[in-house]
Amino acid sequence: MTIDRIKQKLNEIKCKSLPLPPECNSLQFNSVISEADVYFFENKYKFTLPSDMKMFITTIGNGGPGPGFGLKPLNDESFYHPWFLAENGNEFDLSMQFPYTDEWNFEQLRVAMENNYENKDELMKYYFSIDRTPGCFQVCDWGNGGVALLVVNGDEYGKLWVDYRYTFGGVVPEILSDNLVEHISFCQWYEAWLDEIIMKVPLNQRKFR
């Protein structure tokens, strides 16, 4: 079971005192969250948490070390996009399906910016709207403007995506390697981060740093 492997790998890293990425100070997790509290958020925001993440946050910890700048705890902040101001709309709409099954970017905006078209501001507003990422919520600050998203509504349910629009990189699925096309789940993503630590992959070659 994936969650058992994750626990074993966390223990291996601790026992061997393996070096952690510079963004990660320790393997100290927040306290676990109760299933009752998980249900509270599911009921409040009208979604069902994927079973692997639910197992993780109820048995390992609700937030803590992980890819990027670490895992965010499941709380009310999870359901608001960190880039956007509340007055402009920043709550993820979980009632809508996540619209992508393949990586997405906005070619029209790139062309408009390169050619200084008059409609570039209108296209920019469309691109940087919370409406581009419904059906998911944030689980990790990936760094450099990236926000890791867990899909909870739509064909990509349970899969990890990253919102790179801050640097005009679009919205892309997480995969284990460039040679594989299968999109990965929360626990697969987390285990891949641990594997890179255990295998001592050089930092500049890590995919899940």
C-alpha atoms as a PDB file:
ATOM      1  CA  MET A   1       0.000   0.000   0.000  1.00  0.00           C
ATOM      2  CA  THR A   2       1.365   3.398  -1.006  1.00  0.00           C
ATOM      3  CA  ILE A   3       0.814   5.011   2.389  1.00  0.00           C
ATOM      4  CA  ASP A   4       2.824   2.242   4.089  1.00  0.00           C
ATOM      5  CA  ARG A   5       5.686   2.721   1.626  1.00  0.00           C
ATOM      6  CA  ILE A   6       5.651   6.439   2.320  1.00  0.00           C
ATOM      7  CA  LYS A   7       5.929   5.810   6.053  1.00  0.00           C
ATOM      8  CA  GLN A   8       8.796   3.369   5.480  1.00  0.00           C
ATOM      9  CA  LYS A   9      10.639   5.821   3.257  1.00  0.00           C
ATOM     10  CA  LEU A  10      10.198   8.676   5.708  1.00  0.00           C
ATOM     11  CA  ASN A  11      11.652   6.438   8.400  1.00  0.00           C
ATOM     12  CA  GLU A  12      14.555   5.437   6.121  1.00  0.00           C
ATOM     13  CA  ILE A  13      15.427   9.073   5.438  1.00  0.00           C
ATOM     14  CA  LYS A  14      15.369   9.853   9.158  1.00  0.00           C
ATOM     15  CA  CYS A  15      17.369   6.778  10.186  1.00  0.00           C
ATOM     16  CA  LYS A  16      20.042   7.373   7.541  1.00  0.00           C
ATOM     17  CA  SER A  17      20.039  11.157   8.135  1.00  0.00           C
ATOM     18  CA  LEU A  18      19.824  11.692   4.394  1.00  0.00           C
ATOM     19  CA  PRO A  19      20.227  15.316   3.271  1.00  0.00           C
ATOM     20  CA  LEU A  20      16.986  17.141   2.561  1.00  0.00           C
ATOM     21  CA  PRO A  21      16.350  19.745  -0.144  1.00  0.00           C
ATOM     22  CA  PRO A  22      17.337  23.264   0.988  1.00  0.00           C
ATOM     23  CA  GLU A  23      13.678  24.342   1.126  1.00  0.00           C
ATOM     24  CA  CYS A  24      12.960  21.566   3.665  1.00  0.00           C
ATOM     25  CA  ASN A  25      14.284  22.119   7.187  1.00  0.00           C
ATOM     26  CA  SER A  26      13.078  18.843   8.706  1.00  0.00           C
ATOM     27  CA  LEU A  27      10.639  15.959   8.338  1.00  0.00           C
ATOM     28  CA  GLN A  28       8.466  17.307  11.141  1.00  0.00           C
ATOM     29  CA  PHE A  29       4.792  17.195  10.196  1.00  0.00           C
ATOM     30  CA  ASN A  30       1.841  19.095  11.563  1.00  0.00           C
ATOM     31  CA  SER A  31      -0.569  17.115  13.703  1.00  0.00           C
ATOM     32  CA  VAL A  32      -2.907  14.770  11.866  1.00  0.00           C
ATOM     33  CA  ILE A  33      -6.446  15.891  11.165  1.00  0.00           C
ATOM     34  CA  SER A  34      -9.439  13.871  12.331  1.00  0.00           C
ATOM     35  CA  GLU A  35     -11.820  12.232   9.881  1.00  0.00           C
ATOM     36  CA  ALA A  36     -14.566  14.366  11.404  1.00  0.00           C
ATOM     37  CA  ASP A  37     -12.645  17.519  10.473  1.00  0.00           C
ATOM     38  CA  VAL A  38     -12.049  16.183   6.963  1.00  0.00           C
ATOM     39  CA  TYR A  39     -15.795  15.628   6.653  1.00  0.00           C
ATOM     40  CA  PHE A  40     -16.373  19.187   7.883  1.00  0.00           C
ATOM     41  CA  PHE A  41     -14.358  20.623   4.993  1.00  0.00           C
ATOM     42  CA  GLU A  42     -15.882  18.188   2.488  1.00  0.00           C
ATOM     43  CA  ASN A  43     -19.358  19.234   3.574  1.00  0.00           C
ATOM     44  CA  LYS A  44     -18.521  22.946   3.703  1.00  0.00           C
ATOM     45  CA  TYR A  45     -16.957  23.068   0.237  1.00  0.00           C
ATOM     46  CA  LYS A  46     -19.043  20.269  -1.315  1.00  0.00           C
ATOM     47  CA  PHE A  47     -16.399  17.817  -2.509  1.00  0.00           C
ATOM     48  CA  THR A  48     -14.986  14.372  -1.691  1.00  0.00           C
ATOM     49  CA  LEU A  49     -11.313  14.204  -0.784  1.00  0.00           C
ATOM     50  CA  PRO A  50      -9.378  11.514  -2.706  1.00  0.00           C
ATOM     51  CA  SER A  51      -8.801   8.522  -0.444  1.00  0.00           C
ATOM     52  CA  ASP A  52      -4.998   8.587  -0.646  1.00  0.00           C
ATOM     53  CA  MET A  53      -4.724  12.184   0.523  1.00  0.00           C
ATOM     54  CA  LYS A  54      -7.318  11.538   3.210  1.00  0.00           C
ATOM     55  CA  MET A  55      -5.245   8.623   4.503  1.00  0.00           C
ATOM     56  CA  PHE A  56      -2.099  10.763   4.404  1.00  0.00           C
ATOM     57  CA  ILE A  57      -3.440  13.712   6.390  1.00  0.00           C
ATOM     58  CA  THR A  58      -5.253  11.517   8.945  1.00  0.00           C
ATOM     59  CA  THR A  59      -2.312   9.171   9.625  1.00  0.00           C
ATOM     60  CA  ILE A  60       0.923  11.043   8.774  1.00  0.00           C
ATOM     61  CA  GLY A  61       0.278  14.754   9.129  1.00  0.00           C
ATOM     62  CA  ASN A  62      -1.892  17.605   7.923  1.00  0.00           C
ATOM     63  CA  GLY A  63       0.762  19.689   6.204  1.00  0.00           C
ATOM     64  CA  GLY A  64       4.517  19.602   6.517  1.00  0.00           C
ATOM     65  CA  PRO A  65       7.612  18.700   4.498  1.00  0.00           C
ATOM     66  CA  GLY A  66       7.153  17.969   0.838  1.00  0.00           C
ATOM     67  CA  PRO A  67       7.796  19.155  -2.701  1.00  0.00           C
ATOM     68  CA  GLY A  68       8.450  22.843  -3.234  1.00  0.00           C
ATOM     69  CA  PHE A  69       7.996  24.739   0.011  1.00  0.00           C
ATOM     70  CA  GLY A  70       6.096  21.894   1.636  1.00  0.00           C
ATOM     71  CA  LEU A  71       2.570  20.572   1.948  1.00  0.00           C
ATOM     72  CA  LYS A  72      -0.132  23.004   2.945  1.00  0.00           C
ATOM     73  CA  PRO A  73      -2.537  21.818   5.644  1.00  0.00           C
ATOM     74  CA  LEU A  74      -6.141  21.184   4.733  1.00  0.00           C
ATOM     75  CA  ASN A  75      -7.919  24.266   6.060  1.00  0.00           C
ATOM     76  CA  ASP A  76     -10.041  27.130   4.753  1.00  0.00           C
ATOM     77  CA  GLU A  77      -7.051  28.715   3.000  1.00  0.00           C
ATOM     78  CA  SER A  78      -6.757  25.604   0.813  1.00  0.00           C
ATOM     79  CA  PHE A  79      -9.813  26.644  -1.156  1.00  0.00           C
ATOM     80  CA  TYR A  80      -8.605  30.116  -2.147  1.00  0.00           C
ATOM     81  CA  HIS A  81      -5.995  30.768  -4.829  1.00  0.00           C
ATOM     82  CA  PRO A  82      -2.998  32.557  -3.280  1.00  0.00           C
ATOM     83  CA  TRP A  83      -2.402  34.836  -6.281  1.00  0.00           C
ATOM     84  CA  PHE A  84      -5.775  36.539  -6.365  1.00  0.00           C
ATOM     85  CA  LEU A  85      -7.400  39.157  -4.144  1.00  0.00           C
ATOM     86  CA  ALA A  86     -10.714  38.280  -2.526  1.00  0.00           C
ATOM     87  CA  GLU A  87     -12.434  41.314  -4.052  1.00  0.00           C
ATOM     88  CA  ASN A  88     -11.551  40.023  -7.522  1.00  0.00           C
ATOM     89  CA  GLY A  89     -12.692  36.472  -6.750  1.00  0.00           C
ATOM     90  CA  ASN A  90     -10.204  33.933  -5.460  1.00  0.00           C
ATOM     91  CA  GLU A  91     -12.243  30.922  -4.291  1.00  0.00           C
ATOM     92  CA  PHE A  92     -11.858  27.704  -6.273  1.00  0.00           C
ATOM     93  CA  ASP A  93     -15.249  26.639  -7.646  1.00  0.00           C
ATOM     94  CA  LEU A  94     -15.419  22.965  -6.714  1.00  0.00           C
ATOM     95  CA  SER A  95     -18.896  22.575  -8.207  1.00  0.00           C
ATOM     96  CA  MET A  96     -17.365  22.909 -11.690  1.00  0.00           C
ATOM     97  CA  GLN A  97     -15.309  20.178 -13.317  1.00  0.00           C
ATOM     98  CA  PHE A  98     -11.594  20.666 -13.789  1.00  0.00           C
ATOM     99  CA  PRO A  99     -11.468  21.414 -17.530  1.00  0.00           C
ATOM    100  CA  TYR A 100      -8.146  19.909 -18.595  1.00  0.00           C
ATOM    101  CA  THR A 101      -6.899  16.433 -19.409  1.00  0.00           C
ATOM    102  CA  ASP A 102      -3.710  17.654 -21.071  1.00  0.00           C
ATOM    103  CA  GLU A 103      -1.446  20.599 -20.331  1.00  0.00           C
ATOM    104  CA  TRP A 104      -2.991  23.955 -21.170  1.00  0.00           C
ATOM    105  CA  ASN A 105      -1.674  27.380 -22.032  1.00  0.00           C
ATOM    106  CA  PHE A 106      -3.169  30.356 -23.835  1.00  0.00           C
ATOM    107  CA  GLU A 107      -1.547  30.768 -27.246  1.00  0.00           C
ATOM    108  CA  GLN A 108      -3.710  33.771 -28.097  1.00  0.00           C
ATOM    109  CA  LEU A 109      -2.208  35.704 -25.189  1.00  0.00           C
ATOM    110  CA  ARG A 110       1.355  34.891 -26.213  1.00  0.00           C
ATOM    111  CA  VAL A 111       0.698  36.139 -29.755  1.00  0.00           C
ATOM    112  CA  ALA A 112      -1.060  39.275 -28.487  1.00  0.00           C
ATOM    113  CA  MET A 113       1.818  40.129 -26.150  1.00  0.00           C
ATOM    114  CA  GLU A 114       4.493  39.522 -28.780  1.00  0.00           C
ATOM    115  CA  ASN A 115       2.675  41.759 -31.253  1.00  0.00           C
ATOM    116  CA  ASN A 116       1.320  44.285 -28.737  1.00  0.00           C
ATOM    117  CA  TYR A 117      -2.263  43.739 -29.874  1.00  0.00           C
ATOM    118  CA  GLU A 118      -4.918  46.036 -28.423  1.00  0.00           C
ATOM    119  CA  ASN A 119      -6.793  43.144 -26.835  1.00  0.00           C
ATOM    120  CA  LYS A 120      -3.794  41.855 -24.848  1.00  0.00           C
ATOM    121  CA  ASP A 121      -5.109  43.297 -21.564  1.00  0.00           C
ATOM    122  CA  GLU A 122      -8.472  41.618 -22.078  1.00  0.00           C
ATOM    123  CA  LEU A 123      -6.755  38.316 -22.837  1.00  0.00           C
ATOM    124  CA  MET A 124      -4.508  38.762 -19.801  1.00  0.00           C
ATOM    125  CA  LYS A 125      -7.573  39.209 -17.594  1.00  0.00           C
ATOM    126  CA  TYR A 126      -9.030  35.984 -18.989  1.00  0.00           C
ATOM    127  CA  TYR A 127      -5.773  34.080 -18.477  1.00  0.00           C
ATOM    128  CA  PHE A 128      -5.258  35.226 -14.901  1.00  0.00           C
ATOM    129  CA  SER A 129      -8.761  34.424 -13.691  1.00  0.00           C
ATOM    130  CA  ILE A 130      -9.698  31.970 -10.956  1.00  0.00           C
ATOM    131  CA  ASP A 131     -12.200  30.647 -13.510  1.00  0.00           C
ATOM    132  CA  ARG A 132      -9.351  28.900 -15.343  1.00  0.00           C
ATOM    133  CA  THR A 133      -8.849  26.455 -12.447  1.00  0.00           C
ATOM    134  CA  PRO A 134     -12.186  25.158 -11.138  1.00  0.00           C
ATOM    135  CA  GLY A 135     -12.662  21.730  -9.574  1.00  0.00           C
ATOM    136  CA  CYS A 136      -9.439  21.705  -7.556  1.00  0.00           C
ATOM    137  CA  PHE A 137      -7.726  23.235  -4.523  1.00  0.00           C
ATOM    138  CA  GLN A 138      -4.161  24.098  -3.522  1.00  0.00           C
ATOM    139  CA  VAL A 139      -1.951  21.611  -1.685  1.00  0.00           C
ATOM    140  CA  CYS A 140       1.558  23.042  -2.110  1.00  0.00           C
ATOM    141  CA  ASP A 141       3.510  26.193  -2.917  1.00  0.00           C
ATOM    142  CA  TRP A 142       5.775  24.879  -5.646  1.00  0.00           C
ATOM    143  CA  GLY A 143       7.963  27.986  -5.665  1.00  0.00           C
ATOM    144  CA  ASN A 144       8.676  30.446  -8.490  1.00  0.00           C
ATOM    145  CA  GLY A 145       4.973  31.192  -8.717  1.00  0.00           C
ATOM    146  CA  GLY A 146       3.874  27.570  -9.107  1.00  0.00           C
ATOM    147  CA  VAL A 147       0.888  26.284  -7.130  1.00  0.00           C
ATOM    148  CA  ALA A 148       0.240  22.530  -6.873  1.00  0.00           C
ATOM    149  CA  LEU A 149      -3.445  21.674  -7.262  1.00  0.00           C
ATOM    150  CA  LEU A 150      -5.358  18.522  -6.369  1.00  0.00           C
ATOM    151  CA  VAL A 151      -8.298  17.833  -8.671  1.00  0.00           C
ATOM    152  CA  VAL A 152     -11.527  16.864  -6.899  1.00  0.00           C
ATOM    153  CA  ASN A 153     -14.078  17.222  -9.702  1.00  0.00           C
ATOM    154  CA  GLY A 154     -13.801  15.950 -13.267  1.00  0.00           C
ATOM    155  CA  ASP A 155     -11.979  13.327 -15.297  1.00  0.00           C
ATOM    156  CA  GLU A 156      -8.686  14.127 -13.546  1.00  0.00           C
ATOM    157  CA  TYR A 157     -10.126  13.455 -10.075  1.00  0.00           C
ATOM    158  CA  GLY A 158      -7.357  12.643  -7.602  1.00  0.00           C
ATOM    159  CA  LYS A 159      -4.537  13.837  -9.880  1.00  0.00           C
ATOM    160  CA  LEU A 160      -1.930  16.513  -9.180  1.00  0.00           C
ATOM    161  CA  TRP A 161      -1.560  19.495 -11.491  1.00  0.00           C
ATOM    162  CA  VAL A 162       0.565  22.628 -11.195  1.00  0.00           C
ATOM    163  CA  ASP A 163      -0.584  26.146 -12.026  1.00  0.00           C
ATOM    164  CA  TYR A 164       2.376  27.942 -13.613  1.00  0.00           C
ATOM    165  CA  ARG A 165       0.408  30.862 -15.045  1.00  0.00           C
ATOM    166  CA  TYR A 166       2.316  33.284 -12.798  1.00  0.00           C
ATOM    167  CA  THR A 167       5.296  32.792 -15.129  1.00  0.00           C
ATOM    168  CA  PHE A 168       3.075  32.200 -18.191  1.00  0.00           C
ATOM    169  CA  GLY A 169       3.713  28.453 -18.043  1.00  0.00           C
ATOM    170  CA  GLY A 170       0.058  27.434 -18.132  1.00  0.00           C
ATOM    171  CA  VAL A 171      -1.541  24.594 -16.161  1.00  0.00           C
ATOM    172  CA  VAL A 172       0.249  21.243 -16.398  1.00  0.00           C
ATOM    173  CA  PRO A 173      -0.229  17.707 -15.017  1.00  0.00           C
ATOM    174  CA  GLU A 174       2.361  16.073 -12.798  1.00  0.00           C
ATOM    175  CA  ILE A 175       3.977  12.964 -14.311  1.00  0.00           C
ATOM    176  CA  LEU A 176       6.720  10.722 -12.960  1.00  0.00           C
ATOM    177  CA  SER A 177       9.055  11.346 -15.893  1.00  0.00           C
ATOM    178  CA  ASP A 178       9.062  12.829 -19.370  1.00  0.00           C
ATOM    179  CA  ASN A 179       8.904   9.278 -20.750  1.00  0.00           C
ATOM    180  CA  LEU A 180       5.616   8.524 -18.992  1.00  0.00           C
ATOM    181  CA  VAL A 181       2.274  10.072 -19.831  1.00  0.00           C
ATOM    182  CA  GLU A 182       0.203   8.841 -16.877  1.00  0.00           C
ATOM    183  CA  HIS A 183      -0.845  11.628 -14.543  1.00  0.00           C
ATOM    184  CA  ILE A 184      -0.090  10.919 -10.899  1.00  0.00           C
ATOM    185  CA  SER A 185      -2.021  11.039  -7.638  1.00  0.00           C
ATOM    186  CA  PHE A 186      -1.174  12.890  -4.440  1.00  0.00           C
ATOM    187  CA  CYS A 187       0.608   9.939  -2.820  1.00  0.00           C
ATOM    188  CA  GLN A 188       2.443   8.991  -6.021  1.00  0.00           C
ATOM    189  CA  TRP A 189       3.670  12.581  -6.233  1.00  0.00           C
ATOM    190  CA  TYR A 190       4.777  12.605  -2.607  1.00  0.00           C
ATOM    191  CA  GLU A 191       6.484   9.224  -2.857  1.00  0.00           C
ATOM    192  CA  ALA A 192       8.385  10.410  -5.946  1.00  0.00           C
ATOM    193  CA  TRP A 193       9.730  13.328  -3.887  1.00  0.00           C
ATOM    194  CA  LEU A 194      10.934  10.902  -1.211  1.00  0.00           C
ATOM    195  CA  ASP A 195      12.507   8.619  -3.827  1.00  0.00           C
ATOM    196  CA  GLU A 196      14.646  11.465  -5.147  1.00  0.00           C
ATOM    197  CA  ILE A 197      15.934  12.114  -1.623  1.00  0.00           C
ATOM    198  CA  ILE A 198      16.683   8.432  -0.996  1.00  0.00           C
ATOM    199  CA  MET A 199      18.408   8.029  -4.367  1.00  0.00           C
ATOM    200  CA  LYS A 200      20.396  11.232  -3.727  1.00  0.00           C
ATOM    201  CA  VAL A 201      19.461  12.651  -7.101  1.00  0.00           C
ATOM    202  CA  PRO A 202      21.459  15.877  -7.661  1.00  0.00           C
ATOM    203  CA  LEU A 203      19.307  18.897  -6.840  1.00  0.00           C
ATOM    204  CA  ASN A 204      19.544  20.332 -10.335  1.00  0.00           C
ATOM    205  CA  GLN A 205      18.209  17.060 -11.761  1.00  0.00           C
ATOM    206  CA  ARG A 206      15.262  16.608  -9.410  1.00  0.00           C
ATOM    207  CA  LYS A 207      11.779  16.822 -10.849  1.00  0.00           C
ATOM    208  CA  PHE A 208       9.980  16.995  -7.503  1.00  0.00           C
ATOM    209  CA  ARG A 209      12.282  19.265  -5.520  1.00  0.00           C
END
